[in-house]
Structures are given as structure tokens and as C-alpha cells.
C-alpha atoms as a PDB file:
ATOM      1  CA  LEU A   1     -21.243  60.350  70.436  1.00  0.00           C
ATOM      2  CA  ASN A   2     -19.992  61.288  74.556  1.00  0.00           C
ATOM      3  CA  HIS A   3     -22.707  63.790  74.751  1.00  0.00           C
ATOM      4  CA  VAL A   4     -25.943  63.082  75.906  1.00  0.00           C
ATOM      5  CA  THR A   5     -29.946  65.017  75.148  1.00  0.00           C
ATOM      6  CA  VAL A   6     -32.870  66.268  76.810  1.00  0.00           C
ATOM      7  CA  GLY A   7     -35.505  68.128  74.965  1.00  0.00           C
ATOM      8  CA  TYR A   8     -39.200  69.618  75.506  1.00  0.00           C
ATOM      9  CA  GLU A   9     -41.670  69.661  73.347  1.00  0.00           C
ATOM     10  CA  GLN A  10     -45.049  71.802  73.626  1.00  0.00           C
ATOM     11  CA  LEU A  11     -48.024  72.391  71.133  1.00  0.00           C
ATOM     12  CA  LEU A  12     -48.145  76.514  70.981  1.00  0.00           C
ATOM     13  CA  ALA A  13     -51.705  76.320  68.165  1.00  0.00           C
ATOM     14  CA  PRO A  14     -52.248  73.496  65.664  1.00  0.00           C
ATOM     15  CA  HIS A  15     -50.063  71.998  63.284  1.00  0.00           C
ATOM     16  CA  ILE A  16     -46.953  74.683  65.257  1.00  0.00           C
ATOM     17  CA  SER A  17     -44.534  73.393  68.360  1.00  0.00           C
ATOM     18  CA  LEU A  18     -41.816  74.439  69.568  1.00  0.00           C
ATOM     19  CA  MET A  19     -39.038  72.184  70.662  1.00  0.00           C
ATOM     20  CA  VAL A  20     -36.551  72.722  72.718  1.00  0.00           C
ATOM     21  CA  ARG A  21     -32.640  70.404  73.287  1.00  0.00           C
ATOM     22  CA  ALA A  22     -30.324  70.862  75.846  1.00  0.00           C
ATOM     23  CA  GLY A  23     -27.648  68.538  76.622  1.00  0.00           C
ATOM     24  CA  TRP A  24     -24.453  67.703  78.660  1.00  0.00           C
ATOM     25  CA  ILE A  25     -21.219  67.390  76.627  1.00  0.00           C
ATOM     26  CA  GLY A  26     -18.525  64.452  77.791  1.00  0.00           C
ATOM     27  CA  LEU A  27     -20.759  63.316  80.469  1.00  0.00           C
ATOM     28  CA  TRP A  28     -19.070  59.758  80.242  1.00  0.00           C
ATOM     29  CA  ASN A  29     -15.853  60.828  78.132  1.00  0.00           C
ATOM     30  CA  GLU A  30     -12.646  60.398  80.796  1.00  0.00           C
ATOM     31  CA  GLY A  31     -11.227  60.619  77.938  1.00  0.00           C
ATOM     32  CA  ILE A  32      -9.658  58.785  74.454  1.00  0.00           C
ATOM     33  CA  GLN A  33      -5.882  58.540  74.399  1.00  0.00           C
ATOM     34  CA  ASN A  34      -4.166  58.954  70.792  1.00  0.00           C
ATOM     35  CA  ASN A  35      -0.301  59.074  70.051  1.00  0.00           C
ATOM     36  CA  ASP A  36       1.141  62.084  71.967  1.00  0.00           C
ATOM     37  CA  ALA A  37      -2.296  63.170  73.027  1.00  0.00           C
ATOM     38  CA  VAL A  38      -5.039  62.560  75.531  1.00  0.00           C
ATOM     39  CA  TYR A  39      -8.120  64.405  74.673  1.00  0.00           C
ATOM     40  CA  ASP A  40     -11.186  65.858  77.317  1.00  0.00           C
ATOM     41  CA  SER A  41     -14.559  67.087  75.348  1.00  0.00           C
ATOM     42  CA  LYS A  42     -16.557  69.066  78.529  1.00  0.00           C
ATOM     43  CA  GLY A  43     -19.370  71.576  77.593  1.00  0.00           C
ATOM     44  CA  GLY A  44     -22.961  72.148  76.609  1.00  0.00           C
ATOM     45  CA  LEU A  45     -25.169  72.613  74.021  1.00  0.00           C
ATOM     46  CA  PHE A  46     -28.537  74.021  73.388  1.00  0.00           C
ATOM     47  CA  ALA A  47     -30.780  74.355  70.065  1.00  0.00           C
ATOM     48  CA  ALA A  48     -34.443  75.382  69.463  1.00  0.00           C
ATOM     49  CA  GLY A  49     -37.367  75.644  66.363  1.00  0.00           C
ATOM     50  CA  VAL A  50     -40.520  75.784  65.256  1.00  0.00           C
ATOM     51  CA  LYS A  51     -41.567  72.968  64.475  1.00  0.00           C
ATOM     52  CA  PHE A  52     -44.153  73.080  61.560  1.00  0.00           C
ATOM     53  CA  ILE A  53     -46.675  69.855  61.281  1.00  0.00           C
ATOM     54  CA  LEU A  54     -47.385  68.916  57.760  1.00  0.00           C
ATOM     55  CA  PRO A  55     -51.579  68.798  56.626  1.00  0.00           C
ATOM     56  CA  ARG A  56     -52.835  65.324  56.741  1.00  0.00           C
ATOM     57  CA  SER A  57     -54.318  64.112  53.353  1.00  0.00           C
ATOM     58  CA  ALA A  58     -57.823  64.161  54.032  1.00  0.00           C
ATOM     59  CA  LYS A  59     -58.261  61.257  51.492  1.00  0.00           C
ATOM     60  CA  ARG A  60     -57.307  58.305  53.854  1.00  0.00           C
ATOM     61  CA  MET A  61     -58.805  57.805  57.199  1.00  0.00           C
ATOM     62  CA  MET A  62     -56.028  58.504  60.189  1.00  0.00           C
ATOM     63  CA  PRO A  63     -54.268  55.628  61.536  1.00  0.00           C
ATOM     64  CA  SER A  64     -53.911  56.488  65.750  1.00  0.00           C
ATOM     65  CA  ARG A  65     -50.738  57.109  65.309  1.00  0.00           C
ATOM     66  CA  ASP A  66     -51.402  59.953  63.274  1.00  0.00           C
ATOM     67  CA  ALA A  67     -54.099  61.416  65.351  1.00  0.00           C
ATOM     68  CA  HIS A  68     -52.415  63.268  68.337  1.00  0.00           C
ATOM     69  CA  PRO A  69     -51.418  66.838  67.167  1.00  0.00           C
ATOM     70  CA  LEU A  70     -47.544  66.508  67.280  1.00  0.00           C
ATOM     71  CA  ALA A  71     -47.831  63.267  64.731  1.00  0.00           C
ATOM     72  CA  GLY A  72     -47.290  63.201  61.099  1.00  0.00           C
ATOM     73  CA  TRP A  73     -43.969  64.577  58.987  1.00  0.00           C
ATOM     74  CA  TYR A  74     -42.711  67.999  59.586  1.00  0.00           C
ATOM     75  CA  LEU A  75     -40.546  70.917  59.020  1.00  0.00           C
ATOM     76  CA  ARG A  76     -38.460  72.832  61.712  1.00  0.00           C
ATOM     77  CA  PRO A  77     -36.134  74.894  61.491  1.00  0.00           C
ATOM     78  CA  GLU A  78     -34.172  75.484  64.069  1.00  0.00           C
ATOM     79  CA  LEU A  79     -31.133  77.014  65.365  1.00  0.00           C
ATOM     80  CA  MET A  80     -28.032  74.819  67.735  1.00  0.00           C
ATOM     81  CA  PHE A  81     -25.264  75.845  69.356  1.00  0.00           C
ATOM     82  CA  SER A  82     -22.458  74.205  70.902  1.00  0.00           C
ATOM     83  CA  ALA A  83     -19.570  74.994  73.099  1.00  0.00           C
ATOM     84  CA  TRP A  84     -16.892  73.109  74.881  1.00  0.00           C
ATOM     85  CA  LYS A  85     -13.739  73.245  76.068  1.00  0.00           C
ATOM     86  CA  ARG A  86     -11.529  70.914  75.193  1.00  0.00           C
ATOM     87  CA  THR A  87      -7.671  69.179  77.206  1.00  0.00           C
ATOM     88  CA  TYR A  88      -4.976  68.345  75.429  1.00  0.00           C
ATOM     89  CA  TYR A  89      -2.018  66.779  77.051  1.00  0.00           C
ATOM     90  CA  THR A  90       1.692  66.085  75.024  1.00  0.00           C
ATOM     91  CA  TYR A  91       4.532  63.871  76.109  1.00  0.00           C
ATOM     92  CA  GLY A  92       7.875  65.466  75.389  1.00  0.00           C
ATOM     93  CA  TYR A  93       9.906  62.854  73.535  1.00  0.00           C
ATOM     94  CA  LEU A  94      13.973  62.429  73.367  1.00  0.00           C
ATOM     95  CA  ALA A  95      15.556  60.652  70.360  1.00  0.00           C
ATOM     96  CA  GLY A  96      17.163  57.762  71.166  1.00  0.00           C
ATOM     97  CA  TYR A  97      16.075  55.752  74.580  1.00  0.00           C
ATOM     98  CA  ASP A  98      16.443  56.644  77.699  1.00  0.00           C
ATOM     99  CA  PRO A  99      15.278  54.638  80.694  1.00  0.00           C
ATOM    100  CA  ASN A 100      15.732  57.469  83.419  1.00  0.00           C
ATOM    101  CA  PHE A 101      14.177  59.978  81.161  1.00  0.00           C
ATOM    102  CA  ASN A 102      10.640  61.540  82.466  1.00  0.00           C
ATOM    103  CA  THR A 103       8.587  64.121  81.659  1.00  0.00           C
ATOM    104  CA  SER A 104       5.758  65.523  82.180  1.00  0.00           C
ATOM    105  CA  PRO A 105       2.792  65.929  79.977  1.00  0.00           C
ATOM    106  CA  THR A 106       2.250  69.897  79.005  1.00  0.00           C
ATOM    107  CA  GLU A 107      -1.097  70.838  79.425  1.00  0.00           C
ATOM    108  CA  THR A 108      -2.701  72.896  77.165  1.00  0.00           C
ATOM    109  CA  THR A 109      -6.963  73.924  76.448  1.00  0.00           C
ATOM    110  CA  ASP A 110      -8.686  75.412  73.606  1.00  0.00           C
ATOM    111  CA  HIS A 111     -12.224  76.275  74.299  1.00  0.00           C
ATOM    112  CA  PHE A 112     -15.025  75.750  71.291  1.00  0.00           C
ATOM    113  CA  THR A 113     -18.030  77.625  70.331  1.00  0.00           C
ATOM    114  CA  SER A 114     -20.027  76.317  67.524  1.00  0.00           C
ATOM    115  CA  ALA A 115     -23.601  77.345  65.993  1.00  0.00           C
ATOM    116  CA  ALA A 116     -25.636  76.713  63.269  1.00  0.00           C
ATOM    117  CA  LEU A 117     -28.867  77.869  61.899  1.00  0.00           C
ATOM    118  CA  VAL A 118     -30.666  73.908  60.273  1.00  0.00           C
ATOM    119  CA  LEU A 119     -33.656  73.146  58.166  1.00  0.00           C
ATOM    120  CA  SER A 120     -34.800  69.818  59.422  1.00  0.00           C
ATOM    121  CA  ILE A 121     -37.684  67.162  58.150  1.00  0.00           C
ATOM    122  CA  GLY A 122     -38.343  64.170  60.655  1.00  0.00           C
ATOM    123  CA  ARG A 123     -41.182  62.211  61.400  1.00  0.00           C
ATOM    124  CA  GLN A 124     -43.313  61.395  64.548  1.00  0.00           C
ATOM    125  CA  LEU A 125     -45.066  58.228  65.397  1.00  0.00           C
ATOM    126  CA  PHE A 126     -46.740  57.311  69.121  1.00  0.00           C
ATOM    127  CA  LEU A 127     -45.994  54.807  69.736  1.00  0.00           C
ATOM    128  CA  GLY A 128     -48.726  53.213  72.328  1.00  0.00           C
ATOM    129  CA  GLU A 129     -50.817  56.485  73.935  1.00  0.00           C
ATOM    130  CA  HIS A 130     -47.754  58.071  74.962  1.00  0.00           C
ATOM    131  CA  VAL A 131     -44.667  57.383  73.727  1.00  0.00           C
ATOM    132  CA  THR A 132     -43.453  59.157  70.881  1.00  0.00           C
ATOM    133  CA  PHE A 133     -40.382  57.836  68.064  1.00  0.00           C
ATOM    134  CA  ASP A 134     -38.934  60.901  65.992  1.00  0.00           C
ATOM    135  CA  ILE A 135     -36.845  60.227  63.288  1.00  0.00           C
ATOM    136  CA  SER A 136     -34.738  63.660  61.556  1.00  0.00           C
ATOM    137  CA  GLY A 137     -32.092  65.135  59.563  1.00  0.00           C
ATOM    138  CA  GLY A 138     -31.704  68.521  57.852  1.00  0.00           C
ATOM    139  CA  LEU A 139     -29.395  70.899  56.099  1.00  0.00           C
ATOM    140  CA  GLY A 140     -27.667  73.997  57.378  1.00  0.00           C
ATOM    141  CA  TYR A 141     -24.997  76.703  57.574  1.00  0.00           C
ATOM    142  CA  GLY A 142     -23.077  77.285  60.226  1.00  0.00           C
ATOM    143  CA  GLY A 143     -19.742  78.762  61.613  1.00  0.00           C
ATOM    144  CA  GLU A 144     -17.148  77.341  64.792  1.00  0.00           C
ATOM    145  CA  TRP A 145     -14.647  79.127  67.053  1.00  0.00           C
ATOM    146  CA  ARG A 146     -11.860  78.445  68.593  1.00  0.00           C
ATOM    147  CA  ASN A 147     -10.262  80.185  71.576  1.00  0.00           C
ATOM    148  CA  GLY A 148     -12.025  83.445  70.469  1.00  0.00           C
ATOM    149  CA  GLU A 149     -11.032  83.978  67.293  1.00  0.00           C
ATOM    150  CA  LYS A 150     -12.365  82.383  64.045  1.00  0.00           C
ATOM    151  CA  ALA A 151     -11.836  78.006  62.576  1.00  0.00           C
ATOM    152  CA  ASP A 152     -10.327  78.067  59.435  1.00  0.00           C
ATOM    153  CA  ASN A 153      -8.893  75.501  58.429  1.00  0.00           C
ATOM    154  CA  ASN A 154      -7.303  77.406  55.190  1.00  0.00           C
ATOM    155  CA  LYS A 155      -4.979  79.214  57.880  1.00  0.00           C
ATOM    156  CA  TYR A 156      -1.523  76.987  58.051  1.00  0.00           C
ATOM    157  CA  GLU A 157      -1.007  77.502  62.062  1.00  0.00           C
ATOM    158  CA  VAL A 158      -1.067  74.674  64.033  1.00  0.00           C
ATOM    159  CA  ASN A 159      -3.717  75.385  66.643  1.00  0.00           C
ATOM    160  CA  ALA A 160      -6.548  77.442  63.434  1.00  0.00           C
ATOM    161  CA  TYR A 161      -8.352  74.253  62.691  1.00  0.00           C
ATOM    162  CA  ARG A 162     -12.180  73.202  62.837  1.00  0.00           C
ATOM    163  CA  GLN A 163     -13.977  70.090  64.521  1.00  0.00           C
ATOM    164  CA  GLN A 164     -16.122  68.469  62.484  1.00  0.00           C
ATOM    165  CA  TYR A 165     -17.978  66.833  64.868  1.00  0.00           C
ATOM    166  CA  VAL A 166     -19.716  69.513  67.427  1.00  0.00           C
ATOM    167  CA  PHE A 167     -21.393  66.709  69.449  1.00  0.00           C
ATOM    168  CA  SER A 168     -24.991  69.625  68.180  1.00  0.00           C
ATOM    169  CA  HIS A 169     -24.211  68.788  64.267  1.00  0.00           C
ATOM    170  CA  THR A 170     -21.688  68.111  61.834  1.00  0.00           C
ATOM    171  CA  PHE A 171     -20.111  70.122  59.001  1.00  0.00           C
ATOM    172  CA  LEU A 172     -19.121  68.851  55.603  1.00  0.00           C
ATOM    173  CA  GLY A 173     -16.108  68.843  54.771  1.00  0.00           C
ATOM    174  CA  ASP A 174     -12.021  70.807  56.488  1.00  0.00           C
ATOM    175  CA  THR A 175     -13.674  74.375  55.101  1.00  0.00           C
ATOM    176  CA  SER A 176     -17.237  74.161  54.462  1.00  0.00           C
ATOM    177  CA  PRO A 177     -19.699  76.176  56.185  1.00  0.00           C
ATOM    178  CA  LEU A 178     -23.019  74.084  55.541  1.00  0.00           C
ATOM    179  CA  VAL A 179     -23.831  71.172  58.289  1.00  0.00           C
ATOM    180  CA  ILE A 180     -25.625  68.544  58.476  1.00  0.00           C
ATOM    181  CA  SER A 181     -27.847  67.237  61.435  1.00  0.00           C
ATOM    182  CA  GLY A 182     -29.886  64.168  62.646  1.00  0.00           C
ATOM    183  CA  GLY A 183     -31.616  62.463  65.660  1.00  0.00           C
ATOM    184  CA  LEU A 184     -33.936  59.389  66.537  1.00  0.00           C
ATOM    185  CA  ARG A 185     -35.814  59.852  69.871  1.00  0.00           C
ATOM    186  CA  PHE A 186     -38.255  58.700  72.383  1.00  0.00           C
ATOM    187  CA  GLY A 187     -40.493  60.535  73.695  1.00  0.00           C
ATOM    188  CA  TYR A 188     -42.895  60.260  76.732  1.00  0.00           C
ATOM    189  CA  VAL A 189     -46.497  62.580  76.335  1.00  0.00           C
ATOM    190  CA  PHE A 190     -48.231  64.352  79.062  1.00  0.00           C
END
């Protein structure tokens, strides 16, 4: 997905923890070639939220993987933010074929910013004593800006379109403010 993310989680109180993630966009990206352009994204992402671990049933024996205070089902409201620049290289074409025609590409750089508030539900398990596995999915509300202006796919301008996948979350459609997010994470408990 063209980014790498690392996170940190700290238990604040029983059944409450703080989770922070930061990522680097474009770590391995050398450019994806299309018919008439080369795209290159570089930037960063950040997400922070408070995790509310749901109480466990008192009627059953708790397995050892659920005994740790960070383990179990949870709800996590979080704020997600991503900012990146994308460089486009477009090439000119002639109406006919001319082997002597040589053109250099035109470079255009756009700056994107996206933010969302997402409510995620998930479950964190312990695999052994120190390794965790976390799976989550969420729904929320967000917005996106391109070159400092609100990106809107209803406009007829070429440079006004919105990116659906914004590295930290994905918009549900070209014009909808609804976003989804999800993840599979492995961790190590110190």
C-alpha cells in the first residue's frame, strides 16, 4: 500500500490505553508508470486514539491470551491525518509519428492533505507472552485538500479531483465524506 507504519500503545488506566501511529509514505515507490504520466508520492501519516477495552464476561474462564490488560475486544475513536506530495510527469505527443521528435516531460507537483475522525472496533490477542496480534476496522468522517483547497469531484476542473485512498484511510466514493479504515498489526510487549 506504499507506506510503512509503526505504532506505540500505552496503558493509561484499567481498560483504557492510548495508541499512536506514524508512517512514511512512498518508502519503496520509484514511480508507477501509466500511459501518459509517472506518479510519485512522498509524505507522512499520523493517527492517535484512545482505546476502550470492553469488559470481559465474568461467567467464563479467561484464556491466558485474554488475561493481559491490553487484550480483548475494544472500541477506539481516533484522529487520522496524512499529507503527501505527488509529482506527475506528462509528455507531449504529435498527431503523427515523427522519429526525430524529442520532447522532455512537463513536471507538476500537487500537495495533498487528508484528515478523518474514525471509530474503530477490533480485537487484540496475545500470541505467547510478548507478541500481540490486532485486527480492526472502522467507519468515520473525513475531508481532503489539494494544494490548499478543498478537493471536490463535483468541480469540472482537472486538478480538483479527490484521491479515494489516502494512505491512512479510504473514502467511500468520489464525493462522499464517509471513510473506512482497517488494519492487521503485530506488536511486541515490553
